[in-house]
Amino acid sequence: MRMKATLNELLCSVELLEGDTALRDVINKHSSDQTQAQKSAFFVADLGAIIWQQIRWKTHMDHVRPFYEMKCNSSAVVVEILAALGTGFVCSSKNELELAKSFGVPAQDVILGGACKQLSLIKYAAKHGVRLLVCDNEAEMRKISRCHPNARLLIQVYTAGCCEHEETAMPFGCTLKDCRHLLECAKELGLNVTGVKFHVPSCCAEPEAFTHAVSDARCVFDMGAELGFAMSILDVGGGFDGIEAQLEKVNRALKPMLDVYFPQSTGVSVIAEPGAYYVSAAFSLAVSIISKKMTAQDAKHHAHDALSGNDEPEFTYCLNDGVFGSFSYKLLEESVPVPSLLKETQWRCAVGCLAVGDLC
């Protein structure tokens, strides 16, 4: 049997299907149930794929405990499955904290992420026993000391120069130079620094990035020890795209460095924050074409001229979803979604096509 869920913002239905049920059949059925006026984009999830991803993680990364990055997909069915599988959770909002709690996730298995957090969120975490908080600057640290003095801090270290698209990314994390200042500040404020976090994005193809990141983390651990902190957690962040080959590649780069700098004899717990790893393999987005037009590729250069026989036509298809909806990640990432036709056809278009969102 295969469990599939059809999800959108307002409705989530789960049903058991025969193991040989095709994804396109599920999409066709749901689409045909919608009237023409009601047609909207929707997700279909093969929830069994989430379980398989956990099995793959245990196979290749059993030495690293996953904490699911809930902001990647906070659907209740996803959280329920991962909670049952024993993963921890990284939450960035009150709603996410409440959702984790509703499925019985212990407070010690929750990290409050985000470099900058509202006072109300920090107070809520303190009230409900969530003590692991990420921090990368002094202002945030002083805010935490006022609202949550019993917090256990993970200092986020900046990983530089590992991605060709780095100039488009938000530079979270502090430098090694700043780390000493933060540790001294934590000592002054009486806060407990319990570990270090770094993040190597999935766009980084060089294993050297993990060499630098893990060695930098070791330096911060040593700084902390000098100041009297008994640090016991290394968070290697996210950057897992859901492809098994990439997971194997990350493990080949990461494990030797962990064996050198953080062997089991140190007692350091190694965790990670996979998000897309679990849900990208499970979720498919079904969109419809709501409008189309044919132009010429060089029409923008002579917009008022008639098309000649030498102009190559280009079709522009407008979809019923875009960057202000399900494709919002495109504003921050360089990943390219791969489309596929729902209905098979013998005809293949040999000219250029462009798909745009519904608000263009």
Protein backbone atom coordinates (compact mmCIF):
# COMPACT_ATOMS: atom_id res chain seq x y z
CA MET A 1 0.00 0.00 0.00
CA ARG A 2 1.13 3.55 -0.65
CA MET A 3 0.01 6.54 1.38
CA LYS A 4 -0.53 9.74 -0.55
CA ALA A 5 -1.76 13.12 0.58
CA THR A 6 -3.29 15.92 -1.47
CA LEU A 7 -2.44 19.24 0.14
CA ASN A 8 -3.07 22.92 -0.27
CA GLU A 9 -3.23 25.81 2.17
CA LEU A 10 -6.84 25.20 3.14
CA LEU A 11 -7.26 21.45 2.93
CA CYS A 12 -5.24 18.33 3.57
CA SER A 13 -6.63 14.89 2.83
CA VAL A 14 -4.81 11.59 3.29
CA GLU A 15 -5.77 8.28 1.74
CA LEU A 16 -4.26 4.83 1.32
CA LEU A 17 -3.72 3.77 -2.28
CA GLU A 18 -2.54 0.60 -3.97
CA GLY A 19 1.22 0.43 -4.32
CA ASP A 20 1.13 0.61 -8.12
CA THR A 21 -1.02 3.77 -8.22
CA ALA A 22 0.67 6.31 -10.49
CA LEU A 23 1.21 9.89 -9.38
CA ARG A 24 -0.41 11.23 -12.55
CA ASP A 25 -3.57 9.23 -11.78
CA VAL A 26 -3.86 10.89 -8.37
CA ILE A 27 -3.35 14.34 -9.91
CA ASN A 28 -5.85 13.62 -12.69
CA LYS A 29 -8.49 12.52 -10.19
CA HIS A 30 -8.10 15.57 -7.96
CA SER A 31 -7.98 17.92 -10.94
CA SER A 32 -11.13 16.45 -12.45
CA ASP A 33 -12.92 16.90 -9.11
CA GLN A 34 -12.31 20.65 -9.31
CA THR A 35 -14.62 22.82 -11.37
CA GLN A 36 -13.06 25.06 -13.98
CA ALA A 37 -13.70 28.12 -11.80
CA GLN A 38 -12.15 26.45 -8.75
CA LYS A 39 -9.00 25.13 -10.40
CA SER A 40 -5.91 26.05 -8.41
CA ALA A 41 -2.41 24.69 -7.97
CA PHE A 42 -2.08 21.89 -5.41
CA PHE A 43 0.50 19.54 -3.98
CA VAL A 44 0.40 15.75 -4.00
CA ALA A 45 2.64 14.01 -1.47
CA ASP A 46 3.80 10.42 -1.38
CA LEU A 47 4.24 10.21 2.39
CA GLY A 48 5.97 6.87 2.09
CA ALA A 49 8.87 8.71 0.44
CA ILE A 50 9.51 10.55 3.71
CA ILE A 51 9.95 7.22 5.48
CA TRP A 52 12.32 6.01 2.76
CA GLN A 53 14.38 9.18 3.17
CA GLN A 54 14.71 8.42 6.87
CA ILE A 55 15.90 4.89 6.02
CA ARG A 56 18.50 6.35 3.62
CA TRP A 57 19.62 8.78 6.30
CA LYS A 58 20.08 5.94 8.78
CA THR A 59 22.04 4.02 6.14
CA HIS A 60 24.49 6.79 5.25
CA MET A 61 24.43 9.25 8.18
CA ASP A 62 23.55 7.18 11.24
CA HIS A 63 26.22 9.03 13.25
CA VAL A 64 24.32 12.33 12.74
CA ARG A 65 20.88 12.89 14.27
CA PRO A 66 18.47 14.81 12.01
CA PHE A 67 16.50 17.82 13.27
CA TYR A 68 13.89 18.62 10.62
CA GLU A 69 13.86 22.27 9.47
CA MET A 70 10.14 22.86 9.85
CA LYS A 71 10.02 26.11 7.87
CA CYS A 72 10.74 24.03 4.76
CA ASN A 73 7.30 22.41 5.01
CA SER A 74 5.17 22.60 8.15
CA SER A 75 2.29 20.41 6.95
CA ALA A 76 0.87 18.57 9.94
CA VAL A 77 1.14 15.17 8.23
CA VAL A 78 4.86 15.71 7.60
CA VAL A 79 5.53 16.75 11.19
CA GLU A 80 3.49 13.83 12.55
CA ILE A 81 5.44 11.27 10.49
CA LEU A 82 8.85 12.71 11.36
CA ALA A 83 7.92 12.96 15.04
CA ALA A 84 6.95 9.27 14.98
CA LEU A 85 10.31 8.49 13.33
CA GLY A 86 12.12 10.19 16.21
CA THR A 87 13.63 13.21 14.50
CA GLY A 88 14.18 16.49 16.29
CA PHE A 89 12.80 19.77 14.95
CA VAL A 90 14.10 23.24 14.18
CA CYS A 91 11.31 25.79 14.67
CA SER A 92 11.30 29.47 13.73
CA SER A 93 7.85 30.61 14.87
CA LYS A 94 5.30 30.15 17.63
CA ASN A 95 3.04 28.15 15.31
CA GLU A 96 5.87 25.72 14.55
CA LEU A 97 6.68 25.32 18.24
CA GLU A 98 3.01 24.62 18.97
CA LEU A 99 2.81 22.10 16.13
CA ALA A 100 5.83 20.17 17.39
CA LYS A 101 4.39 20.15 20.90
CA SER A 102 1.00 18.91 19.63
CA PHE A 103 2.66 15.73 18.34
CA GLY A 104 4.42 15.07 21.61
CA VAL A 105 7.91 16.19 20.60
CA PRO A 106 9.93 16.69 23.83
CA ALA A 107 11.22 20.21 24.40
CA GLN A 108 14.81 18.94 24.43
CA ASP A 109 14.33 17.74 20.84
CA VAL A 110 13.44 21.23 19.59
CA ILE A 111 15.82 23.99 18.46
CA LEU A 112 14.62 27.57 18.15
CA GLY A 113 16.34 28.66 14.95
CA GLY A 114 16.69 31.99 13.21
CA ALA A 115 19.45 34.54 13.67
CA CYS A 116 17.03 37.24 14.86
CA LYS A 117 14.06 36.33 17.02
CA GLN A 118 11.21 38.38 18.48
CA LEU A 119 11.16 38.84 22.24
CA SER A 120 7.73 37.21 22.41
CA LEU A 121 9.06 34.11 20.64
CA ILE A 122 12.03 33.79 23.00
CA LYS A 123 9.69 34.16 26.00
CA TYR A 124 7.34 31.53 24.56
CA ALA A 125 10.25 29.10 24.12
CA ALA A 126 11.36 29.73 27.71
CA LYS A 127 7.84 29.15 29.03
CA HIS A 128 7.57 25.79 27.26
CA GLY A 129 11.04 24.49 28.12
CA VAL A 130 12.71 24.90 24.71
CA ARG A 131 16.30 25.71 25.67
CA LEU A 132 18.36 25.22 22.50
CA LEU A 133 18.61 28.56 20.67
CA VAL A 134 20.79 29.63 17.74
CA CYS A 135 22.71 32.90 18.09
CA ASP A 136 25.30 34.73 15.96
CA ASN A 137 25.50 38.28 17.35
CA GLU A 138 25.84 40.16 20.63
CA ALA A 139 22.51 42.01 20.41
CA GLU A 140 20.63 38.71 20.11
CA MET A 141 22.66 37.25 22.95
CA ARG A 142 21.79 40.12 25.28
CA LYS A 143 18.13 39.80 24.31
CA ILE A 144 18.21 36.09 25.16
CA SER A 145 19.89 36.77 28.50
CA ARG A 146 16.99 39.03 29.51
CA CYS A 147 14.16 36.74 28.34
CA HIS A 148 15.62 33.24 28.59
CA PRO A 149 18.61 33.07 30.98
CA ASN A 150 18.45 29.25 31.08
CA ALA A 151 18.90 28.94 27.31
CA ARG A 152 21.58 26.69 25.82
CA LEU A 153 23.15 28.54 22.91
CA LEU A 154 24.43 27.22 19.60
CA ILE A 155 26.87 29.76 18.14
CA GLN A 156 26.42 29.89 14.36
CA VAL A 157 29.72 30.19 12.47
CA TYR A 158 29.85 31.67 8.99
CA THR A 159 31.05 29.31 6.25
CA ALA A 160 32.64 31.43 3.52
CA GLY A 161 33.63 30.91 -0.09
CA CYS A 162 31.92 27.59 -0.78
CA CYS A 163 29.16 28.43 -3.25
CA GLU A 164 29.17 30.04 -6.68
CA HIS A 165 25.83 31.70 -5.83
CA GLU A 166 27.08 32.97 -2.47
CA GLU A 167 26.63 36.60 -3.45
CA THR A 168 22.85 36.06 -3.54
CA ALA A 169 22.72 34.38 -0.13
CA MET A 170 22.08 35.96 3.26
CA PRO A 171 25.38 35.90 5.23
CA PHE A 172 24.26 34.41 8.56
CA GLY A 173 26.83 33.35 11.11
CA CYS A 174 29.79 35.04 12.77
CA THR A 175 33.48 34.87 11.91
CA LEU A 176 36.04 33.10 14.08
CA LYS A 177 37.26 36.48 15.28
CA ASP A 178 33.74 37.42 16.39
CA CYS A 179 33.24 34.03 18.07
CA ARG A 180 35.72 34.79 20.83
CA HIS A 181 33.95 38.07 21.54
CA LEU A 182 30.56 36.28 21.66
CA LEU A 183 31.90 33.62 24.01
CA GLU A 184 33.31 36.28 26.31
CA CYS A 185 29.98 38.10 26.17
CA ALA A 186 28.11 34.88 27.07
CA LYS A 187 30.49 34.38 30.00
CA GLU A 188 29.81 37.92 31.19
CA LEU A 189 26.03 37.44 30.91
CA GLY A 190 26.07 34.05 32.62
CA LEU A 191 24.68 32.25 29.56
CA ASN A 192 25.41 28.63 28.68
CA VAL A 193 27.03 28.04 25.28
CA THR A 194 26.47 24.38 24.52
CA GLY A 195 27.64 24.03 20.92
CA VAL A 196 28.42 25.31 17.45
CA LYS A 197 26.41 25.39 14.25
CA PHE A 198 27.54 25.87 10.65
CA HIS A 199 25.80 25.53 7.30
CA VAL A 200 27.23 24.37 3.97
CA PRO A 201 24.59 25.02 1.26
CA SER A 202 23.61 22.33 -1.23
CA CYS A 203 25.01 24.46 -4.09
CA CYS A 204 28.50 23.86 -2.69
CA ALA A 205 30.16 21.04 -4.61
CA GLU A 206 33.56 21.15 -2.89
CA PRO A 207 34.28 18.77 0.01
CA GLU A 208 36.88 21.28 1.23
CA ALA A 209 33.99 23.37 2.53
CA PHE A 210 33.35 20.75 5.22
CA THR A 211 37.07 20.61 6.01
CA HIS A 212 37.10 24.33 6.78
CA ALA A 213 33.72 24.32 8.54
CA VAL A 214 34.51 21.42 10.89
CA SER A 215 38.00 22.71 11.69
CA ASP A 216 36.55 26.17 12.43
CA ALA A 217 33.98 24.55 14.71
CA ARG A 218 36.81 22.76 16.54
CA CYS A 219 38.51 26.13 17.08
CA VAL A 220 35.32 27.52 18.63
CA PHE A 221 35.02 24.47 20.89
CA ASP A 222 38.60 25.06 22.05
CA MET A 223 37.90 28.75 22.66
CA GLY A 224 34.86 27.78 24.69
CA ALA A 225 36.83 25.28 26.76
CA GLU A 226 39.34 28.03 27.63
CA LEU A 227 36.46 30.11 29.00
CA GLY A 228 34.95 27.22 30.94
CA PHE A 229 32.13 26.16 28.59
CA ALA A 230 31.47 22.41 28.37
CA MET A 231 30.27 22.34 24.76
CA SER A 232 28.65 19.09 23.61
CA ILE A 233 26.71 19.70 20.37
CA LEU A 234 27.94 20.18 16.81
CA ASP A 235 25.20 21.19 14.36
CA VAL A 236 26.31 20.70 10.73
CA GLY A 237 23.24 22.55 9.40
CA GLY A 238 21.28 21.76 6.26
CA GLY A 239 22.15 21.70 2.58
CA PHE A 240 20.82 18.18 1.88
CA ASP A 241 18.86 18.27 -1.39
CA GLY A 242 17.13 14.89 -1.11
CA ILE A 243 19.21 13.01 -3.69
CA GLU A 244 20.87 9.91 -2.29
CA ALA A 245 24.08 10.45 -4.28
CA GLN A 246 24.46 13.90 -2.74
CA LEU A 247 23.89 12.48 0.74
CA GLU A 248 26.64 9.92 0.13
CA LYS A 249 28.96 12.67 -1.13
CA VAL A 250 28.33 14.81 1.94
CA ASN A 251 28.97 11.84 4.22
CA ARG A 252 32.26 11.03 2.45
CA ALA A 253 33.40 14.61 2.99
CA LEU A 254 32.03 15.04 6.51
CA LYS A 255 32.70 11.77 8.34
CA PRO A 256 36.53 11.78 8.06
CA MET A 257 36.60 15.34 9.43
CA LEU A 258 34.33 14.37 12.32
CA ASP A 259 36.57 11.39 13.09
CA VAL A 260 39.58 13.72 13.31
CA TYR A 261 38.11 16.73 15.13
CA PHE A 262 35.11 15.26 16.98
CA PRO A 263 35.71 11.53 17.57
CA GLN A 264 33.18 9.63 19.65
CA SER A 265 35.54 9.76 22.61
CA THR A 266 34.87 13.51 22.93
CA GLY A 267 31.21 12.85 23.75
CA VAL A 268 30.05 15.50 21.27
CA SER A 269 26.61 14.85 19.74
CA VAL A 270 26.50 15.63 16.02
CA ILE A 271 23.18 16.81 14.59
CA ALA A 272 21.99 18.20 11.25
CA GLU A 273 19.06 20.25 9.97
CA PRO A 274 17.70 18.56 6.81
CA GLY A 275 14.57 20.15 5.39
CA ALA A 276 14.21 19.75 1.64
CA TYR A 277 15.92 16.37 2.03
CA TYR A 278 12.72 14.87 3.43
CA VAL A 279 10.00 16.65 1.48
CA SER A 280 11.43 17.37 -1.99
CA ALA A 281 11.30 13.67 -2.82
CA ALA A 282 7.76 13.35 -1.49
CA PHE A 283 5.95 16.41 -2.84
CA SER A 284 4.90 17.21 -6.41
CA LEU A 285 3.22 20.48 -7.41
CA ALA A 286 0.41 20.33 -9.97
CA VAL A 287 -0.13 23.58 -11.87
CA SER A 288 -2.35 24.54 -14.79
CA ILE A 289 -1.76 26.83 -17.75
CA ILE A 290 -4.22 29.69 -17.45
CA SER A 291 -3.03 31.72 -20.44
CA LYS A 292 -0.58 31.53 -23.33
CA LYS A 293 0.75 33.72 -26.09
CA MET A 294 3.19 33.43 -28.98
CA THR A 295 5.87 36.06 -29.56
CA ALA A 296 9.25 36.15 -31.27
CA GLN A 297 12.51 35.72 -29.40
CA ASP A 298 13.80 39.05 -30.68
CA ALA A 299 10.43 40.82 -30.50
CA LYS A 300 11.67 42.91 -27.59
CA HIS A 301 14.20 44.48 -29.96
CA HIS A 302 11.61 45.50 -32.55
CA ALA A 303 8.31 45.39 -30.71
CA HIS A 304 6.41 47.39 -33.32
CA ASP A 305 7.65 45.50 -36.39
CA ALA A 306 5.71 42.69 -38.01
CA LEU A 307 7.13 39.22 -37.41
CA SER A 308 9.16 37.97 -40.35
CA GLY A 309 9.40 34.41 -41.55
CA ASN A 310 12.87 34.20 -40.02
CA ASP A 311 11.69 35.03 -36.50
CA GLU A 312 11.68 31.96 -34.27
CA PRO A 313 8.41 31.86 -32.30
CA GLU A 314 8.44 31.55 -28.54
CA PHE A 315 5.50 30.46 -26.42
CA THR A 316 4.92 32.08 -23.04
CA TYR A 317 2.73 30.05 -20.70
CA CYS A 318 1.21 31.67 -17.62
CA LEU A 319 0.72 29.26 -14.71
CA ASN A 320 -1.69 29.47 -11.79
CA ASP A 321 1.17 29.67 -9.28
CA GLY A 322 4.36 31.69 -8.97
CA VAL A 323 7.06 33.21 -6.75
CA PHE A 324 4.43 34.72 -4.47
CA GLY A 325 3.10 31.22 -3.86
CA SER A 326 4.71 27.79 -4.10
CA PHE A 327 7.79 29.08 -5.95
CA SER A 328 8.74 31.62 -3.28
CA TYR A 329 12.01 29.76 -2.68
CA LYS A 330 13.13 31.00 -6.11
CA LEU A 331 13.61 34.45 -4.56
CA LEU A 332 16.46 33.06 -2.42
CA GLU A 333 17.79 29.99 -4.23
CA GLU A 334 19.18 29.17 -7.64
CA SER A 335 17.46 25.79 -7.97
CA VAL A 336 15.52 25.13 -11.18
CA PRO A 337 12.24 23.18 -11.01
CA VAL A 338 11.87 20.45 -13.63
CA PRO A 339 8.43 20.42 -15.28
CA SER A 340 6.74 17.39 -16.81
CA LEU A 341 3.51 17.08 -18.77
CA LEU A 342 0.63 15.37 -17.03
CA LYS A 343 -0.82 14.06 -20.28
CA GLU A 344 1.42 12.13 -22.61
CA THR A 345 1.51 13.34 -26.20
CA GLN A 346 3.25 12.33 -29.41
CA TRP A 347 3.81 15.97 -30.34
CA ARG A 348 6.96 17.70 -29.19
CA CYS A 349 7.53 21.46 -29.41
CA ALA A 350 10.80 22.37 -31.14
CA VAL A 351 10.68 26.09 -30.31
CA GLY A 352 11.50 28.01 -27.17
CA CYS A 353 8.97 28.07 -24.32
CA LEU A 354 8.80 30.20 -21.21
CA ALA A 355 6.72 29.50 -18.09
CA VAL A 356 5.84 32.48 -15.90
CA GLY A 357 3.89 32.95 -12.69
CA ASP A 358 0.35 34.20 -12.38
CA LEU A 359 1.30 37.74 -11.29
CA CYS A 360 3.59 38.68 -14.16
